């Protein structure tokens, strides 16, 4: 169900450990990564991640705050939203 899915978008200067940091946070909060895409364009790291929070015992807000905190630690911009909201925003 899309209410159990989140989309995480990360953008910033490429540094070692970005994927490891984000994956560690998600694992700590019992969130399963279902799809991940990343690229580096002229030193700028971009990652899009689809994850399932249905088995997490933590609320969405707490997961989101933990990811934002990790993003700041890495010097990255990070956005987290529920997939159902993302889908509605992009429906014509």
PDB file of N, CA and C in Angstrom:
ATOM      1  N   UNK A   1       0.846  -1.181   0.000  1.00  0.00           N
ATOM      2  CA  UNK A   1       0.000   0.000   0.000  1.00  0.00           C
ATOM      3  C   UNK A   1       0.888   1.239   0.000  1.00  0.00           C
ATOM      4  N   UNK A   2       0.473   2.261  -0.731  1.00  0.00           N
ATOM      5  CA  UNK A   2       1.323   3.436  -0.869  1.00  0.00           C
ATOM      6  C   UNK A   2       1.449   4.247   0.415  1.00  0.00           C
ATOM      7  N   UNK A   3       0.507   4.074   1.374  1.00  0.00           N
ATOM      8  CA  UNK A   3       0.651   4.819   2.633  1.00  0.00           C
ATOM      9  C   UNK A   3       1.791   4.260   3.482  1.00  0.00           C
ATOM     10  N   UNK A   4       2.273   3.069   3.146  1.00  0.00           N
ATOM     11  CA  UNK A   4       3.395   2.455   3.853  1.00  0.00           C
ATOM     12  C   UNK A   4       4.730   2.699   3.156  1.00  0.00           C
ATOM     13  N   UNK A   5       4.713   3.482   2.095  1.00  0.00           N
ATOM     14  CA  UNK A   5       5.926   3.749   1.317  1.00  0.00           C
ATOM     15  C   UNK A   5       6.354   5.205   1.505  1.00  0.00           C
ATOM     16  N   UNK A   6       7.670   5.408   1.519  1.00  0.00           N
ATOM     17  CA  UNK A   6       8.201   6.760   1.568  1.00  0.00           C
ATOM     18  C   UNK A   6       9.195   6.955   0.430  1.00  0.00           C
ATOM     19  N   UNK A   7       9.334   8.190   0.019  1.00  0.00           N
ATOM     20  CA  UNK A   7      10.326   8.560  -0.981  1.00  0.00           C
ATOM     21  C   UNK A   7      11.322   9.494  -0.308  1.00  0.00           C
ATOM     22  N   UNK A   8      12.592   9.155  -0.433  1.00  0.00           N
ATOM     23  CA  UNK A   8      13.662   9.947   0.145  1.00  0.00           C
ATOM     24  C   UNK A   8      14.503  10.486  -1.002  1.00  0.00           C
ATOM     25  N   UNK A   9      14.715  11.787  -1.016  1.00  0.00           N
ATOM     26  CA  UNK A   9      15.529  12.438  -2.037  1.00  0.00           C
ATOM     27  C   UNK A   9      16.696  13.119  -1.339  1.00  0.00           C
ATOM     28  N   UNK A  10      17.909  12.884  -1.837  1.00  0.00           N
ATOM     29  CA  UNK A  10      19.117  13.429  -1.223  1.00  0.00           C
ATOM     30  C   UNK A  10      19.932  14.128  -2.304  1.00  0.00           C
ATOM     31  N   UNK A  11      20.445  15.298  -1.960  1.00  0.00           N
ATOM     32  CA  UNK A  11      21.205  16.094  -2.926  1.00  0.00           C
ATOM     33  C   UNK A  11      22.312  16.833  -2.194  1.00  0.00           C
ATOM     34  N   UNK A  12      23.503  16.823  -2.769  1.00  0.00           N
ATOM     35  CA  UNK A  12      24.606  17.577  -2.181  1.00  0.00           C
ATOM     36  C   UNK A  12      25.940  17.174  -2.768  1.00  0.00           C
ATOM     37  N   UNK A  13      26.991  17.736  -2.197  1.00  0.00           N
ATOM     38  CA  UNK A  13      28.346  17.443  -2.635  1.00  0.00           C
ATOM     39  C   UNK A  13      28.658  15.978  -2.339  1.00  0.00           C
ATOM     40  N   UNK A  14      29.270  15.310  -3.290  1.00  0.00           N
ATOM     41  CA  UNK A  14      29.596  13.899  -3.128  1.00  0.00           C
ATOM     42  C   UNK A  14      30.674  13.726  -2.057  1.00  0.00           C
ATOM     43  N   UNK A  15      30.370  12.903  -1.068  1.00  0.00           N
ATOM     44  CA  UNK A  15      31.327  12.555  -0.022  1.00  0.00           C
ATOM     45  C   UNK A  15      31.218  11.058   0.253  1.00  0.00           C
ATOM     46  N   UNK A  16      32.232  10.500   0.841  1.00  0.00           N
ATOM     47  CA  UNK A  16      32.244   9.073   1.180  1.00  0.00           C
ATOM     48  C   UNK A  16      31.225   8.800   2.289  1.00  0.00           C
ATOM     49  N   UNK A  17      30.430   7.749   2.131  1.00  0.00           N
ATOM     50  CA  UNK A  17      29.574   7.274   3.205  1.00  0.00           C
ATOM     51  C   UNK A  17      28.125   7.703   3.171  1.00  0.00           C
ATOM     52  N   UNK A  18      27.682   8.372   2.115  1.00  0.00           N
ATOM     53  CA  UNK A  18      26.297   8.844   2.058  1.00  0.00           C
ATOM     54  C   UNK A  18      25.317   7.672   2.103  1.00  0.00           C
ATOM     55  N   UNK A  19      25.483   6.736   1.205  1.00  0.00           N
ATOM     56  CA  UNK A  19      24.562   5.591   1.129  1.00  0.00           C
ATOM     57  C   UNK A  19      24.616   4.789   2.429  1.00  0.00           C
ATOM     58  N   UNK A  20      25.807   4.582   2.961  1.00  0.00           N
ATOM     59  CA  UNK A  20      25.961   3.824   4.210  1.00  0.00           C
ATOM     60  C   UNK A  20      25.234   4.519   5.363  1.00  0.00           C
ATOM     61  N   UNK A  21      25.371   5.824   5.471  1.00  0.00           N
ATOM     62  CA  UNK A  21      24.722   6.579   6.555  1.00  0.00           C
ATOM     63  C   UNK A  21      23.204   6.472   6.473  1.00  0.00           C
ATOM     64  N   UNK A  22      22.658   6.689   5.289  1.00  0.00           N
ATOM     65  CA  UNK A  22      21.203   6.650   5.117  1.00  0.00           C
ATOM     66  C   UNK A  22      20.673   5.227   5.333  1.00  0.00           C
ATOM     67  N   UNK A  23      21.371   4.238   4.786  1.00  0.00           N
ATOM     68  CA  UNK A  23      20.947   2.838   4.955  1.00  0.00           C
ATOM     69  C   UNK A  23      21.003   2.426   6.435  1.00  0.00           C
ATOM     70  N   UNK A  24      21.988   2.913   7.160  1.00  0.00           N
ATOM     71  CA  UNK A  24      22.104   2.607   8.586  1.00  0.00           C
ATOM     72  C   UNK A  24      20.929   3.181   9.368  1.00  0.00           C
ATOM     73  N   UNK A  25      20.559   4.412   9.058  1.00  0.00           N
ATOM     74  CA  UNK A  25      19.400   5.030   9.732  1.00  0.00           C
ATOM     75  C   UNK A  25      18.139   4.238   9.431  1.00  0.00           C
ATOM     76  N   UNK A  26      17.929   3.903   8.170  1.00  0.00           N
ATOM     77  CA  UNK A  26      16.730   3.157   7.796  1.00  0.00           C
ATOM     78  C   UNK A  26      16.695   1.789   8.483  1.00  0.00           C
ATOM     79  N   UNK A  27      17.822   1.114   8.550  1.00  0.00           N
ATOM     80  CA  UNK A  27      17.878  -0.190   9.215  1.00  0.00           C
ATOM     81  C   UNK A  27      17.563  -0.049  10.705  1.00  0.00           C
ATOM     82  N   UNK A  28      18.096   0.973  11.338  1.00  0.00           N
ATOM     83  CA  UNK A  28      17.834   1.211  12.762  1.00  0.00           C
ATOM     84  C   UNK A  28      16.334   1.372  13.032  1.00  0.00           C
ATOM     85  N   UNK A  29      15.637   2.008  12.088  1.00  0.00           N
ATOM     86  CA  UNK A  29      14.200   2.252  12.242  1.00  0.00           C
ATOM     87  C   UNK A  29      13.344   1.174  11.574  1.00  0.00           C
ATOM     88  N   UNK A  30      13.980   0.066  11.190  1.00  0.00           N
ATOM     89  CA  UNK A  30      13.296  -1.095  10.615  1.00  0.00           C
ATOM     90  C   UNK A  30      12.526  -0.752   9.338  1.00  0.00           C
ATOM     91  N   UNK A  31      13.175   0.053   8.503  1.00  0.00           N
ATOM     92  CA  UNK A  31      12.601   0.469   7.225  1.00  0.00           C
ATOM     93  C   UNK A  31      13.328  -0.289   6.115  1.00  0.00           C
ATOM     94  N   UNK A  32      12.569  -0.877   5.199  1.00  0.00           N
ATOM     95  CA  UNK A  32      13.137  -1.665   4.110  1.00  0.00           C
ATOM     96  C   UNK A  32      13.294  -0.825   2.839  1.00  0.00           C
ATOM     97  N   UNK A  33      14.496  -0.795   2.302  1.00  0.00           N
ATOM     98  CA  UNK A  33      14.746  -0.119   1.028  1.00  0.00           C
ATOM     99  C   UNK A  33      14.246  -1.027  -0.089  1.00  0.00           C
ATOM    100  N   UNK A  34      13.347  -0.508  -0.924  1.00  0.00           N
ATOM    101  CA  UNK A  34      12.802  -1.302  -2.035  1.00  0.00           C
ATOM    102  C   UNK A  34      13.448  -0.957  -3.371  1.00  0.00           C
ATOM    103  N   UNK A  35      13.849   0.292  -3.527  1.00  0.00           N
ATOM    104  CA  UNK A  35      14.485   0.712  -4.774  1.00  0.00           C
ATOM    105  C   UNK A  35      15.377   1.902  -4.459  1.00  0.00           C
ATOM    106  N   UNK A  36      16.509   1.958  -5.123  1.00  0.00           N
ATOM    107  CA  UNK A  36      17.442   3.059  -4.889  1.00  0.00           C
ATOM    108  C   UNK A  36      18.128   3.412  -6.204  1.00  0.00           C
ATOM    109  N   UNK A  37      18.170   4.682  -6.499  1.00  0.00           N
ATOM    110  CA  UNK A  37      18.841   5.180  -7.709  1.00  0.00           C
ATOM    111  C   UNK A  37      19.740   6.329  -7.285  1.00  0.00           C
ATOM    112  N   UNK A  38      20.936   6.331  -7.816  1.00  0.00           N
ATOM    113  CA  UNK A  38      21.842   7.422  -7.494  1.00  0.00           C
ATOM    114  C   UNK A  38      22.699   7.757  -8.690  1.00  0.00           C
ATOM    115  N   UNK A  39      23.167   8.978  -8.700  1.00  0.00           N
ATOM    116  CA  UNK A  39      24.068   9.415  -9.755  1.00  0.00           C
ATOM    117  C   UNK A  39      24.919  10.549  -9.209  1.00  0.00           C
ATOM    118  N   UNK A  40      26.018  10.772  -9.872  1.00  0.00           N
ATOM    119  CA  UNK A  40      26.880  11.904  -9.536  1.00  0.00           C
ATOM    120  C   UNK A  40      27.062  12.710 -10.812  1.00  0.00           C
ATOM    121  N   UNK A  41      26.724  13.981 -10.732  1.00  0.00           N
ATOM    122  CA  UNK A  41      26.875  14.887 -11.880  1.00  0.00           C
ATOM    123  C   UNK A  41      27.808  16.015 -11.473  1.00  0.00           C
ATOM    124  N   UNK A  42      29.005  16.016 -12.051  1.00  0.00           N
ATOM    125  CA  UNK A  42      30.006  17.049 -11.785  1.00  0.00           C
ATOM    126  C   UNK A  42      30.213  17.273 -10.288  1.00  0.00           C
ATOM    127  N   UNK A  43      30.345  16.188  -9.550  1.00  0.00           N
ATOM    128  CA  UNK A  43      30.613  16.256  -8.122  1.00  0.00           C
ATOM    129  C   UNK A  43      29.381  16.420  -7.241  1.00  0.00           C
ATOM    130  N   UNK A  44      28.207  16.502  -7.860  1.00  0.00           N
ATOM    131  CA  UNK A  44      26.960  16.639  -7.107  1.00  0.00           C
ATOM    132  C   UNK A  44      26.276  15.272  -7.024  1.00  0.00           C
ATOM    133  N   UNK A  45      26.079  14.802  -5.811  1.00  0.00           N
ATOM    134  CA  UNK A  45      25.463  13.500  -5.566  1.00  0.00           C
ATOM    135  C   UNK A  45      23.954  13.654  -5.501  1.00  0.00           C
ATOM    136  N   UNK A  46      23.231  12.779  -6.204  1.00  0.00           N
ATOM    137  CA  UNK A  46      21.769  12.759  -6.160  1.00  0.00           C
ATOM    138  C   UNK A  46      21.322  11.322  -5.942  1.00  0.00           C
ATOM    139  N   UNK A  47      20.387  11.142  -5.004  1.00  0.00           N
ATOM    140  CA  UNK A  47      19.878   9.808  -4.742  1.00  0.00           C
ATOM    141  C   UNK A  47      18.372   9.872  -4.512  1.00  0.00           C
ATOM    142  N   UNK A  48      17.677   8.916  -5.089  1.00  0.00           N
ATOM    143  CA  UNK A  48      16.237   8.749  -4.895  1.00  0.00           C
ATOM    144  C   UNK A  48      16.034   7.345  -4.352  1.00  0.00           C
ATOM    145  N   UNK A  49      15.244   7.251  -3.308  1.00  0.00           N
ATOM    146  CA  UNK A  49      15.088   5.985  -2.629  1.00  0.00           C
ATOM    147  C   UNK A  49      13.613   5.761  -2.303  1.00  0.00           C
ATOM    148  N   UNK A  50      13.130   4.566  -2.584  1.00  0.00           N
ATOM    149  CA  UNK A  50      11.770   4.167  -2.220  1.00  0.00           C
ATOM    150  C   UNK A  50      11.896   3.134  -1.106  1.00  0.00           C
ATOM    151  N   UNK A  51      11.174   3.366  -0.012  1.00  0.00           N
ATOM    152  CA  UNK A  51      11.282   2.463   1.135  1.00  0.00           C
ATOM    153  C   UNK A  51       9.908   2.136   1.697  1.00  0.00           C
ATOM    154  N   UNK A  52       9.847   0.999   2.387  1.00  0.00           N
ATOM    155  CA  UNK A  52       8.617   0.511   3.002  1.00  0.00           C
ATOM    156  C   UNK A  52       8.743   0.657   4.521  1.00  0.00           C
ATOM    157  N   UNK A  53       7.815   1.402   5.127  1.00  0.00           N
ATOM    158  CA  UNK A  53       7.845   1.615   6.580  1.00  0.00           C
ATOM    159  C   UNK A  53       6.806   0.760   7.313  1.00  0.00           C
ATOM    160  N   UNK A  54       6.155  -0.146   6.614  1.00  0.00           N
ATOM    161  CA  UNK A  54       5.046  -0.913   7.208  1.00  0.00           C
ATOM    162  C   UNK A  54       5.467  -1.783   8.398  1.00  0.00           C
ATOM    163  N   UNK A  55       6.705  -2.236   8.424  1.00  0.00           N
ATOM    164  CA  UNK A  55       7.149  -3.102   9.518  1.00  0.00           C
ATOM    165  C   UNK A  55       7.880  -2.333  10.618  1.00  0.00           C
ATOM    166  N   UNK A  56       7.996  -1.022  10.440  1.00  0.00           N
ATOM    167  CA  UNK A  56       8.659  -0.206  11.457  1.00  0.00           C
ATOM    168  C   UNK A  56       7.712   0.058  12.621  1.00  0.00           C
ATOM    169  N   UNK A  57       8.246  -0.003  13.824  1.00  0.00           N
ATOM    170  CA  UNK A  57       7.435   0.320  14.996  1.00  0.00           C
ATOM    171  C   UNK A  57       7.496   1.817  15.314  1.00  0.00           C
ATOM    172  N   UNK A  58       8.222   2.555  14.490  1.00  0.00           N
ATOM    173  CA  UNK A  58       8.400   4.000  14.707  1.00  0.00           C
ATOM    174  C   UNK A  58       7.456   4.799  13.814  1.00  0.00           C
ATOM    175  N   UNK A  59       6.979   5.944  14.288  1.00  0.00           N
ATOM    176  CA  UNK A  59       6.112   6.775  13.454  1.00  0.00           C
ATOM    177  C   UNK A  59       6.905   7.455  12.331  1.00  0.00           C
ATOM    178  N   UNK A  60       6.203   7.756  11.254  1.00  0.00           N
ATOM    179  CA  UNK A  60       6.804   8.412  10.097  1.00  0.00           C
ATOM    180  C   UNK A  60       7.589   9.658  10.513  1.00  0.00           C
ATOM    181  N   UNK A  61       7.025  10.470  11.382  1.00  0.00           N
ATOM    182  CA  UNK A  61       7.664  11.722  11.798  1.00  0.00           C
ATOM    183  C   UNK A  61       9.043  11.473  12.422  1.00  0.00           C
ATOM    184  N   UNK A  62       9.157  10.448  13.233  1.00  0.00           N
ATOM    185  CA  UNK A  62      10.437  10.133  13.877  1.00  0.00           C
ATOM    186  C   UNK A  62      11.474   9.653  12.855  1.00  0.00           C
ATOM    187  N   UNK A  63      11.034   8.843  11.912  1.00  0.00           N
ATOM    188  CA  UNK A  63      11.928   8.377  10.843  1.00  0.00           C
ATOM    189  C   UNK A  63      12.404   9.566  10.024  1.00  0.00           C
ATOM    190  N   UNK A  64      11.479  10.438   9.672  1.00  0.00           N
ATOM    191  CA  UNK A  64      11.802  11.623   8.876  1.00  0.00           C
ATOM    192  C   UNK A  64      12.824  12.503   9.603  1.00  0.00           C
ATOM    193  N   UNK A  65      12.611  12.746  10.889  1.00  0.00           N
ATOM    194  CA  UNK A  65      13.531  13.579  11.664  1.00  0.00           C
ATOM    195  C   UNK A  65      14.924  12.957  11.740  1.00  0.00           C
ATOM    196  N   UNK A  66      15.004  11.642  11.882  1.00  0.00           N
ATOM    197  CA  UNK A  66      16.299  10.952  11.936  1.00  0.00           C
ATOM    198  C   UNK A  66      17.040  11.079  10.605  1.00  0.00           C
ATOM    199  N   UNK A  67      16.309  10.960   9.501  1.00  0.00           N
ATOM    200  CA  UNK A  67      16.933  11.102   8.182  1.00  0.00           C
ATOM    201  C   UNK A  67      17.413  12.532   7.944  1.00  0.00           C
ATOM    202  N   UNK A  68      16.619  13.501   8.336  1.00  0.00           N
ATOM    203  CA  UNK A  68      17.022  14.905   8.177  1.00  0.00           C
ATOM    204  C   UNK A  68      18.278  15.189   9.003  1.00  0.00           C
ATOM    205  N   UNK A  69      18.328  14.667  10.215  1.00  0.00           N
ATOM    206  CA  UNK A  69      19.506  14.836  11.074  1.00  0.00           C
ATOM    207  C   UNK A  69      20.753  14.242  10.409  1.00  0.00           C
ATOM    208  N   UNK A  70      20.614  13.063   9.827  1.00  0.00           N
ATOM    209  CA  UNK A  70      21.744  12.434   9.121  1.00  0.00           C
ATOM    210  C   UNK A  70      22.152  13.239   7.905  1.00  0.00           C
ATOM    211  N   UNK A  71      21.157  13.771   7.193  1.00  0.00           N
ATOM    212  CA  UNK A  71      21.460  14.609   6.038  1.00  0.00           C
ATOM    213  C   UNK A  71      22.272  15.830   6.430  1.00  0.00           C
ATOM    214  N   UNK A  72      21.903  16.469   7.521  1.00  0.00           N
ATOM    215  CA  UNK A  72      22.652  17.644   8.003  1.00  0.00           C
ATOM    216  C   UNK A  72      24.077  17.253   8.383  1.00  0.00           C
ATOM    217  N   UNK A  73      24.218  16.106   9.035  1.00  0.00           N
ATOM    218  CA  UNK A  73      25.539  15.609   9.424  1.00  0.00           C
ATOM    219  C   UNK A  73      26.441  15.429   8.201  1.00  0.00           C
ATOM    220  N   UNK A  74      25.836  14.997   7.098  1.00  0.00           N
ATOM    221  CA  UNK A  74      26.573  14.786   5.850  1.00  0.00           C
ATOM    222  C   UNK A  74      26.713  16.067   5.012  1.00  0.00           C
ATOM    223  N   UNK A  75      26.014  17.122   5.412  1.00  0.00           N
ATOM    224  CA  UNK A  75      26.021  18.351   4.618  1.00  0.00           C
ATOM    225  C   UNK A  75      25.152  18.241   3.379  1.00  0.00           C
ATOM    226  N   UNK A  76      24.116  17.410   3.442  1.00  0.00           N
ATOM    227  CA  UNK A  76      23.256  17.148   2.292  1.00  0.00           C
ATOM    228  C   UNK A  76      21.866  17.738   2.511  1.00  0.00           C
ATOM    229  N   UNK A  77      21.200  18.081   1.413  1.00  0.00           N
ATOM    230  CA  UNK A  77      19.777  18.423   1.450  1.00  0.00           C
ATOM    231  C   UNK A  77      19.030  17.099   1.361  1.00  0.00           C
ATOM    232  N   UNK A  78      18.010  16.935   2.185  1.00  0.00           N
ATOM    233  CA  UNK A  78      17.269  15.680   2.170  1.00  0.00           C
ATOM    234  C   UNK A  78      15.784  15.970   2.349  1.00  0.00           C
ATOM    235  N   UNK A  79      14.968  15.318   1.534  1.00  0.00           N
ATOM    236  CA  UNK A  79      13.517  15.463   1.593  1.00  0.00           C
ATOM    237  C   UNK A  79      12.915  14.080   1.751  1.00  0.00           C
ATOM    238  N   UNK A  80      11.928  13.973   2.632  1.00  0.00           N
ATOM    239  CA  UNK A  80      11.250  12.704   2.870  1.00  0.00           C
ATOM    240  C   UNK A  80       9.756  12.949   2.806  1.00  0.00           C
ATOM    241  N   UNK A  81       9.063  12.168   2.021  1.00  0.00           N
ATOM    242  CA  UNK A  81       7.612  12.305   1.960  1.00  0.00           C
ATOM    243  C   UNK A  81       6.967  10.950   1.736  1.00  0.00           C
ATOM    244  N   UNK A  82       5.720  10.859   2.145  1.00  0.00           N
ATOM    245  CA  UNK A  82       4.979   9.624   1.902  1.00  0.00           C
ATOM    246  C   UNK A  82       4.697   9.508   0.405  1.00  0.00           C
ATOM    247  N   UNK A  83       4.784   8.299  -0.108  1.00  0.00           N
ATOM    248  CA  UNK A  83       4.587   8.062  -1.540  1.00  0.00           C
ATOM    249  C   UNK A  83       3.184   8.465  -1.982  1.00  0.00           C
ATOM    250  N   UNK A  84       2.179   8.234  -1.154  1.00  0.00           N
ATOM    251  CA  UNK A  84       0.816   8.575  -1.559  1.00  0.00           C
ATOM    252  C   UNK A  84       0.668  10.084  -1.792  1.00  0.00           C
ATOM    253  N   UNK A  85       1.355  10.901  -1.005  1.00  0.00           N
ATOM    254  CA  UNK A  85       1.334  12.357  -1.199  1.00  0.00           C
ATOM    255  C   UNK A  85       2.079  12.706  -2.487  1.00  0.00           C
ATOM    256  N   UNK A  86       3.241  12.076  -2.678  1.00  0.00           N
ATOM    257  CA  UNK A  86       4.032  12.295  -3.892  1.00  0.00           C
ATOM    258  C   UNK A  86       3.207  11.951  -5.136  1.00  0.00           C
ATOM    259  N   UNK A  87       2.519  10.801  -5.100  1.00  0.00           N
ATOM    260  CA  UNK A  87       1.694  10.381  -6.235  1.00  0.00           C
ATOM    261  C   UNK A  87       0.594  11.381  -6.528  1.00  0.00           C
ATOM    262  N   UNK A  88      -0.076  11.882  -5.492  1.00  0.00           N
ATOM    263  CA  UNK A  88      -1.155  12.848  -5.681  1.00  0.00           C
ATOM    264  C   UNK A  88      -0.637  14.175  -6.224  1.00  0.00           C
ATOM    265  N   UNK A  89       0.550  14.568  -5.786  1.00  0.00           N
ATOM    266  CA  UNK A  89       1.126  15.825  -6.270  1.00  0.00           C
ATOM    267  C   UNK A  89       1.482  15.744  -7.752  1.00  0.00           C
ATOM    268  N   UNK A  90       1.777  14.551  -8.237  1.00  0.00           N
ATOM    269  CA  UNK A  90       2.220  14.374  -9.613  1.00  0.00           C
ATOM    270  C   UNK A  90       1.170  13.733 -10.524  1.00  0.00           C
ATOM    271  N   UNK A  91      -0.084  13.778 -10.100  1.00  0.00           N
ATOM    272  CA  UNK A  91      -1.192  13.282 -10.915  1.00  0.00           C
ATOM    273  C   UNK A  91      -1.818  14.459 -11.643  1.00  0.00           C
ATOM    274  N   UNK A  92      -2.002  14.288 -12.923  1.00  0.00           N
ATOM    275  CA  UNK A  92      -2.584  15.381 -13.720  1.00  0.00           C
ATOM    276  C   UNK A  92      -4.091  15.247 -13.717  1.00  0.00           C
TER     277      UNK A  92
END
